Amino acid sequence: MKLLIALAAVSVAAGAAFVHVARDGAATRTSSATSSGRYAAHTGDVSEEPSASAIERLEHSIKLKAGSKKSLGDVRLSDGRRVRLFSADTDDSKSCFIDDDPEAGSGAGCLEGGLFQVRKAAFSVNARGGPDRFEELYVVGVAAPSIRSVAVVKADGHSVALELNAAHTFVFESPTADLEARVYPVELRLFGPSGRLVETVTFPPAG
């Protein structure tokens, strides 16, 4: 069974923390957030709609508000598969970032007060394999309109600039050499129009 682990970023007083959400092609996992900005992982009930697709089960699980789902385009991974990205609102007034991987299934991070209430980017970090070494690791997300560029910093200190599309989404995929050397992304840096660093999000240890 192919297993991906999604890390949904949250904000706490001491800094960045993460919720690990396991998901596979047969089940949909989501993470939602309270008004404090803290995410809590929960799983959609896939048994009640066995014929539904992963994305449909996810939408049911988060109580997606009819007509609110907006496509943010898709990103291509190195194996050729495309991960579709969306934003949406829920019936209980949360805003969500949704990613739909054709192999791993669908996941979402939802927050009260707006998608960028806690930080200037909504994203997920997805990994396959581990805990000793990951076979795949990628980051997908969307930046706030005020953000003009995004970069990932890896454990070896190298920084990788990420391309923003028209919808301000981005993707970073760890190359095979980095995975073999256990060199994982450790920070996400967000920059404003003048190139000024606006925000730094520190990832948790991957291994």
C-alpha atoms as a PDB file:
ATOM      1  CA  MET A   1       0.000   0.000   0.000  1.00  0.00           C
ATOM      2  CA  LYS A   2       1.361   3.391  -0.926  1.00  0.00           C
ATOM      3  CA  LEU A   3       1.417   5.657   2.114  1.00  0.00           C
ATOM      4  CA  LEU A   4       1.968   9.384   2.177  1.00  0.00           C
ATOM      5  CA  ILE A   5       2.402  11.482   5.287  1.00  0.00           C
ATOM      6  CA  ALA A   6       1.067  15.022   5.113  1.00  0.00           C
ATOM      7  CA  LEU A   7       2.376  17.602   7.563  1.00  0.00           C
ATOM      8  CA  ALA A   8      -0.076  20.436   8.096  1.00  0.00           C
ATOM      9  CA  ALA A   9       1.605  23.551   9.418  1.00  0.00           C
ATOM     10  CA  VAL A  10       0.202  25.221  12.498  1.00  0.00           C
ATOM     11  CA  SER A  11       1.153  28.245  14.529  1.00  0.00           C
ATOM     12  CA  VAL A  12       1.772  28.217  18.268  1.00  0.00           C
ATOM     13  CA  ALA A  13       3.309  30.701  20.655  1.00  0.00           C
ATOM     14  CA  ALA A  14       6.663  28.921  20.703  1.00  0.00           C
ATOM     15  CA  GLY A  15       6.938  28.772  16.899  1.00  0.00           C
ATOM     16  CA  ALA A  16       5.956  26.400  14.131  1.00  0.00           C
ATOM     17  CA  ALA A  17       4.535  22.983  14.920  1.00  0.00           C
ATOM     18  CA  PHE A  18       3.058  20.285  12.748  1.00  0.00           C
ATOM     19  CA  VAL A  19       0.345  17.668  12.707  1.00  0.00           C
ATOM     20  CA  HIS A  20       1.227  14.419  10.920  1.00  0.00           C
ATOM     21  CA  VAL A  21      -1.658  13.102   8.843  1.00  0.00           C
ATOM     22  CA  ALA A  22      -1.338   9.671   7.229  1.00  0.00           C
ATOM     23  CA  ARG A  23      -3.347   9.060   4.090  1.00  0.00           C
ATOM     24  CA  ASP A  24      -3.572   6.540   1.290  1.00  0.00           C
ATOM     25  CA  GLY A  25      -5.637   5.916  -1.802  1.00  0.00           C
ATOM     26  CA  ALA A  26      -8.422   4.243   0.168  1.00  0.00           C
ATOM     27  CA  ALA A  27      -8.932   6.863   2.834  1.00  0.00           C
ATOM     28  CA  THR A  28      -9.103  10.601   3.075  1.00  0.00           C
ATOM     29  CA  ARG A  29      -7.344  12.439   5.897  1.00  0.00           C
ATOM     30  CA  THR A  30      -7.836  16.106   6.605  1.00  0.00           C
ATOM     31  CA  SER A  31      -6.672  18.665   9.137  1.00  0.00           C
ATOM     32  CA  SER A  32      -8.803  21.514  10.415  1.00  0.00           C
ATOM     33  CA  ALA A  33      -8.015  24.503  12.560  1.00  0.00           C
ATOM     34  CA  THR A  34      -9.672  26.300  15.430  1.00  0.00           C
ATOM     35  CA  SER A  35      -9.767  30.056  15.955  1.00  0.00           C
ATOM     36  CA  SER A  36      -6.434  29.778  17.804  1.00  0.00           C
ATOM     37  CA  GLY A  37      -4.773  28.664  14.594  1.00  0.00           C
ATOM     38  CA  ARG A  38      -4.115  25.126  15.847  1.00  0.00           C
ATOM     39  CA  TYR A  39      -4.857  22.283  13.457  1.00  0.00           C
ATOM     40  CA  ALA A  40      -6.459  19.018  14.552  1.00  0.00           C
ATOM     41  CA  ALA A  41      -6.230  15.963  12.318  1.00  0.00           C
ATOM     42  CA  HIS A  42      -9.366  14.028  11.507  1.00  0.00           C
ATOM     43  CA  THR A  43     -10.397  11.377   9.000  1.00  0.00           C
ATOM     44  CA  GLY A  44     -13.345  11.446   6.634  1.00  0.00           C
ATOM     45  CA  ASP A  45     -15.750   8.518   6.908  1.00  0.00           C
ATOM     46  CA  VAL A  46     -15.059   6.673   3.660  1.00  0.00           C
ATOM     47  CA  SER A  47     -17.432   3.806   4.489  1.00  0.00           C
ATOM     48  CA  GLU A  48     -20.593   5.833   4.029  1.00  0.00           C
ATOM     49  CA  GLU A  49     -19.868   6.641   0.372  1.00  0.00           C
ATOM     50  CA  PRO A  50     -17.833   3.702  -0.972  1.00  0.00           C
ATOM     51  CA  SER A  51     -18.420   4.658  -4.618  1.00  0.00           C
ATOM     52  CA  ALA A  52     -17.288   8.262  -4.184  1.00  0.00           C
ATOM     53  CA  SER A  53     -13.865   9.452  -5.328  1.00  0.00           C
ATOM     54  CA  ALA A  54     -11.193  10.525  -2.841  1.00  0.00           C
ATOM     55  CA  ILE A  55     -11.851  14.201  -3.526  1.00  0.00           C
ATOM     56  CA  GLU A  56     -15.606  13.730  -3.088  1.00  0.00           C
ATOM     57  CA  ARG A  57     -15.057  11.968   0.243  1.00  0.00           C
ATOM     58  CA  LEU A  58     -12.786  14.793   1.335  1.00  0.00           C
ATOM     59  CA  GLU A  59     -15.332  17.447   0.395  1.00  0.00           C
ATOM     60  CA  HIS A  60     -17.971  15.601   2.388  1.00  0.00           C
ATOM     61  CA  SER A  61     -15.627  15.250   5.366  1.00  0.00           C
ATOM     62  CA  ILE A  62     -14.791  18.964   5.599  1.00  0.00           C
ATOM     63  CA  LYS A  63     -18.390  20.005   4.834  1.00  0.00           C
ATOM     64  CA  LEU A  64     -17.396  21.960   1.764  1.00  0.00           C
ATOM     65  CA  LYS A  65     -19.653  24.920   1.009  1.00  0.00           C
ATOM     66  CA  ALA A  66     -21.430  24.515  -2.319  1.00  0.00           C
ATOM     67  CA  GLY A  67     -19.998  26.708  -5.056  1.00  0.00           C
ATOM     68  CA  SER A  68     -16.914  27.796  -3.070  1.00  0.00           C
ATOM     69  CA  LYS A  69     -14.342  25.417  -4.556  1.00  0.00           C
ATOM     70  CA  LYS A  70     -11.810  27.208  -6.773  1.00  0.00           C
ATOM     71  CA  SER A  71      -9.118  25.571  -8.873  1.00  0.00           C
ATOM     72  CA  LEU A  72      -5.562  26.800  -8.245  1.00  0.00           C
ATOM     73  CA  GLY A  73      -4.229  24.768 -11.143  1.00  0.00           C
ATOM     74  CA  ASP A  74      -1.976  21.757 -10.796  1.00  0.00           C
ATOM     75  CA  VAL A  75       1.700  20.967 -10.339  1.00  0.00           C
ATOM     76  CA  ARG A  76       3.694  18.203 -12.021  1.00  0.00           C
ATOM     77  CA  LEU A  77       5.954  15.859 -10.054  1.00  0.00           C
ATOM     78  CA  SER A  78       9.075  14.198 -11.449  1.00  0.00           C
ATOM     79  CA  ASP A  79       7.282  10.903 -12.180  1.00  0.00           C
ATOM     80  CA  GLY A  80       4.841  12.773 -14.425  1.00  0.00           C
ATOM     81  CA  ARG A  81       1.778  12.716 -12.200  1.00  0.00           C
ATOM     82  CA  ARG A  82      -0.076  15.934 -11.532  1.00  0.00           C
ATOM     83  CA  VAL A  83      -1.284  17.105  -8.125  1.00  0.00           C
ATOM     84  CA  ARG A  84      -4.391  19.286  -8.380  1.00  0.00           C
ATOM     85  CA  LEU A  85      -4.691  22.226  -5.995  1.00  0.00           C
ATOM     86  CA  PHE A  86      -7.829  24.010  -4.811  1.00  0.00           C
ATOM     87  CA  SER A  87      -9.087  26.547  -2.303  1.00  0.00           C
ATOM     88  CA  ALA A  88     -12.544  26.236  -0.776  1.00  0.00           C
ATOM     89  CA  ASP A  89     -14.741  27.325   2.113  1.00  0.00           C
ATOM     90  CA  THR A  90     -16.703  25.120   4.483  1.00  0.00           C
ATOM     91  CA  ASP A  91     -20.212  25.358   5.877  1.00  0.00           C
ATOM     92  CA  ASP A  92     -18.728  26.206   9.284  1.00  0.00           C
ATOM     93  CA  SER A  93     -16.852  29.263   7.924  1.00  0.00           C
ATOM     94  CA  LYS A  94     -13.361  27.817   7.471  1.00  0.00           C
ATOM     95  CA  SER A  95     -11.093  28.390   4.493  1.00  0.00           C
ATOM     96  CA  CYS A  96      -9.211  25.386   3.113  1.00  0.00           C
ATOM     97  CA  PHE A  97      -6.201  24.532   0.966  1.00  0.00           C
ATOM     98  CA  ILE A  98      -6.803  21.205  -0.796  1.00  0.00           C
ATOM     99  CA  ASP A  99      -4.335  19.004  -2.669  1.00  0.00           C
ATOM    100  CA  ASP A 100      -5.441  16.003  -4.718  1.00  0.00           C
ATOM    101  CA  ASP A 101      -2.704  13.483  -5.551  1.00  0.00           C
ATOM    102  CA  PRO A 102      -3.879  10.788  -8.011  1.00  0.00           C
ATOM    103  CA  GLU A 103      -1.906   8.102  -6.134  1.00  0.00           C
ATOM    104  CA  ALA A 104      -1.998   9.295  -2.504  1.00  0.00           C
ATOM    105  CA  GLY A 105      -5.527  10.634  -2.378  1.00  0.00           C
ATOM    106  CA  SER A 106      -6.755  14.026  -1.204  1.00  0.00           C
ATOM    107  CA  GLY A 107      -5.879  16.150   1.810  1.00  0.00           C
ATOM    108  CA  ALA A 108      -6.882  19.533   3.197  1.00  0.00           C
ATOM    109  CA  GLY A 109      -5.850  22.078   5.790  1.00  0.00           C
ATOM    110  CA  CYS A 110      -8.678  24.339   6.966  1.00  0.00           C
ATOM    111  CA  LEU A 111      -8.480  27.464   9.103  1.00  0.00           C
ATOM    112  CA  GLU A 112     -10.976  29.867  10.620  1.00  0.00           C
ATOM    113  CA  GLY A 113     -10.624  33.525   9.702  1.00  0.00           C
ATOM    114  CA  GLY A 114      -9.204  33.064   6.199  1.00  0.00           C
ATOM    115  CA  LEU A 115      -6.597  30.940   4.468  1.00  0.00           C
ATOM    116  CA  PHE A 116      -3.749  33.306   5.382  1.00  0.00           C
ATOM    117  CA  GLN A 117      -4.922  34.167   8.888  1.00  0.00           C
ATOM    118  CA  VAL A 118      -2.003  32.382  10.591  1.00  0.00           C
ATOM    119  CA  ARG A 119       0.753  32.885   8.020  1.00  0.00           C
ATOM    120  CA  LYS A 120       1.278  34.137   4.482  1.00  0.00           C
ATOM    121  CA  ALA A 121       1.210  30.678   2.910  1.00  0.00           C
ATOM    122  CA  ALA A 122      -0.918  27.557   3.181  1.00  0.00           C
ATOM    123  CA  PHE A 123       0.906  24.344   2.327  1.00  0.00           C
ATOM    124  CA  SER A 124       1.460  20.664   2.986  1.00  0.00           C
ATOM    125  CA  VAL A 125       4.616  18.552   3.093  1.00  0.00           C
ATOM    126  CA  ASN A 126       4.030  15.050   1.745  1.00  0.00           C
ATOM    127  CA  ALA A 127       6.425  12.120   2.120  1.00  0.00           C
ATOM    128  CA  ARG A 128       6.378   8.453   1.129  1.00  0.00           C
ATOM    129  CA  GLY A 129       8.447   5.870   2.938  1.00  0.00           C
ATOM    130  CA  GLY A 130      10.484   6.389   6.089  1.00  0.00           C
ATOM    131  CA  PRO A 131      11.163   6.574   8.896  1.00  0.00           C
ATOM    132  CA  ASP A 132      14.786   5.717   8.021  1.00  0.00           C
ATOM    133  CA  ARG A 133      14.683   7.226   4.530  1.00  0.00           C
ATOM    134  CA  PHE A 134      11.933   8.704   2.413  1.00  0.00           C
ATOM    135  CA  GLU A 135      11.351   7.500  -1.129  1.00  0.00           C
ATOM    136  CA  GLU A 136       9.547  10.729  -2.027  1.00  0.00           C
ATOM    137  CA  LEU A 137       9.064  14.127  -0.414  1.00  0.00           C
ATOM    138  CA  TYR A 138       7.375  17.169  -1.857  1.00  0.00           C
ATOM    139  CA  VAL A 139       5.915  20.475  -0.690  1.00  0.00           C
ATOM    140  CA  VAL A 140       2.865  22.057  -2.334  1.00  0.00           C
ATOM    141  CA  GLY A 141       1.231  25.301  -1.311  1.00  0.00           C
ATOM    142  CA  VAL A 142      -0.248  28.664  -2.138  1.00  0.00           C
ATOM    143  CA  ALA A 143       1.145  32.049  -1.089  1.00  0.00           C
ATOM    144  CA  ALA A 144      -0.814  35.146  -0.140  1.00  0.00           C
ATOM    145  CA  PRO A 145      -1.225  37.839  -2.855  1.00  0.00           C
ATOM    146  CA  SER A 146       1.263  40.074  -1.007  1.00  0.00           C
ATOM    147  CA  ILE A 147       4.028  37.488  -1.397  1.00  0.00           C
ATOM    148  CA  ARG A 148       6.164  37.880  -4.500  1.00  0.00           C
ATOM    149  CA  SER A 149       8.612  34.977  -4.144  1.00  0.00           C
ATOM    150  CA  VAL A 150       9.090  31.808  -2.129  1.00  0.00           C
ATOM    151  CA  ALA A 151      12.180  29.736  -1.371  1.00  0.00           C
ATOM    152  CA  VAL A 152      12.868  26.446   0.366  1.00  0.00           C
ATOM    153  CA  VAL A 153      15.988  26.048   2.494  1.00  0.00           C
ATOM    154  CA  LYS A 154      17.412  22.527   2.780  1.00  0.00           C
ATOM    155  CA  ALA A 155      19.275  20.961   5.689  1.00  0.00           C
ATOM    156  CA  ASP A 156      22.609  21.466   3.903  1.00  0.00           C
ATOM    157  CA  GLY A 157      22.013  25.227   3.821  1.00  0.00           C
ATOM    158  CA  HIS A 158      21.215  25.487   0.114  1.00  0.00           C
ATOM    159  CA  SER A 159      18.236  27.642  -0.866  1.00  0.00           C
ATOM    160  CA  VAL A 160      15.973  26.796  -3.796  1.00  0.00           C
ATOM    161  CA  ALA A 161      13.786  29.526  -5.341  1.00  0.00           C
ATOM    162  CA  LEU A 162      10.294  28.277  -6.187  1.00  0.00           C
ATOM    163  CA  GLU A 163       8.250  29.451  -9.152  1.00  0.00           C
ATOM    164  CA  LEU A 164       4.842  30.973  -8.395  1.00  0.00           C
ATOM    165  CA  ASN A 165       2.125  30.470 -10.990  1.00  0.00           C
ATOM    166  CA  ALA A 166      -0.716  32.890 -11.735  1.00  0.00           C
ATOM    167  CA  ALA A 167      -2.662  31.543  -8.733  1.00  0.00           C
ATOM    168  CA  HIS A 168       0.427  31.918  -6.487  1.00  0.00           C
ATOM    169  CA  THR A 169       0.860  28.173  -5.983  1.00  0.00           C
ATOM    170  CA  PHE A 170       4.264  26.512  -5.702  1.00  0.00           C
ATOM    171  CA  VAL A 171       5.887  23.074  -5.495  1.00  0.00           C
ATOM    172  CA  PHE A 172       9.226  21.721  -4.289  1.00  0.00           C
ATOM    173  CA  GLU A 173      10.229  18.092  -4.764  1.00  0.00           C
ATOM    174  CA  SER A 174      13.342  16.660  -3.113  1.00  0.00           C
ATOM    175  CA  PRO A 175      15.644  15.118  -5.738  1.00  0.00           C
ATOM    176  CA  THR A 176      16.717  11.483  -5.362  1.00  0.00           C
ATOM    177  CA  ALA A 177      20.244  12.477  -4.300  1.00  0.00           C
ATOM    178  CA  ASP A 178      18.858  14.550  -1.422  1.00  0.00           C
ATOM    179  CA  LEU A 179      16.590  11.714  -0.300  1.00  0.00           C
ATOM    180  CA  GLU A 180      19.483   9.241  -0.342  1.00  0.00           C
ATOM    181  CA  ALA A 181      21.614  11.684   1.676  1.00  0.00           C
ATOM    182  CA  ARG A 182      18.676  12.519   3.987  1.00  0.00           C
ATOM    183  CA  VAL A 183      18.946  16.190   3.076  1.00  0.00           C
ATOM    184  CA  TYR A 184      15.391  17.404   3.603  1.00  0.00           C
ATOM    185  CA  PRO A 185      13.770  20.870   3.424  1.00  0.00           C
ATOM    186  CA  VAL A 186      13.907  22.655   6.761  1.00  0.00           C
ATOM    187  CA  GLU A 187      12.470  26.128   6.071  1.00  0.00           C
ATOM    188  CA  LEU A 188      10.042  27.944   3.836  1.00  0.00           C
ATOM    189  CA  ARG A 189      10.921  31.610   3.254  1.00  0.00           C
ATOM    190  CA  LEU A 190       8.375  34.146   1.991  1.00  0.00           C
ATOM    191  CA  PHE A 191       9.431  37.436   0.407  1.00  0.00           C
ATOM    192  CA  GLY A 192       7.542  40.660  -0.334  1.00  0.00           C
ATOM    193  CA  PRO A 193       7.576  42.885  -3.473  1.00  0.00           C
ATOM    194  CA  SER A 194      10.914  44.521  -2.607  1.00  0.00           C
ATOM    195  CA  GLY A 195      12.615  41.220  -1.874  1.00  0.00           C
ATOM    196  CA  ARG A 196      12.287  41.766   1.874  1.00  0.00           C
ATOM    197  CA  LEU A 197      11.903  38.608   3.935  1.00  0.00           C
ATOM    198  CA  VAL A 198       8.335  38.661   5.273  1.00  0.00           C
ATOM    199  CA  GLU A 199       8.137  35.322   7.048  1.00  0.00           C
ATOM    200  CA  THR A 200      10.112  32.151   7.745  1.00  0.00           C
ATOM    201  CA  VAL A 201       8.357  28.863   8.513  1.00  0.00           C
ATOM    202  CA  THR A 202      10.532  26.153  10.070  1.00  0.00           C
ATOM    203  CA  PHE A 203       9.673  22.553   9.236  1.00  0.00           C
ATOM    204  CA  PRO A 204       9.891  19.821  11.879  1.00  0.00           C
ATOM    205  CA  PRO A 205      12.616  17.153  11.679  1.00  0.00           C
ATOM    206  CA  ALA A 206      11.671  14.814   8.821  1.00  0.00           C
ATOM    207  CA  GLY A 207      13.422  11.717  10.084  1.00  0.00           C
END
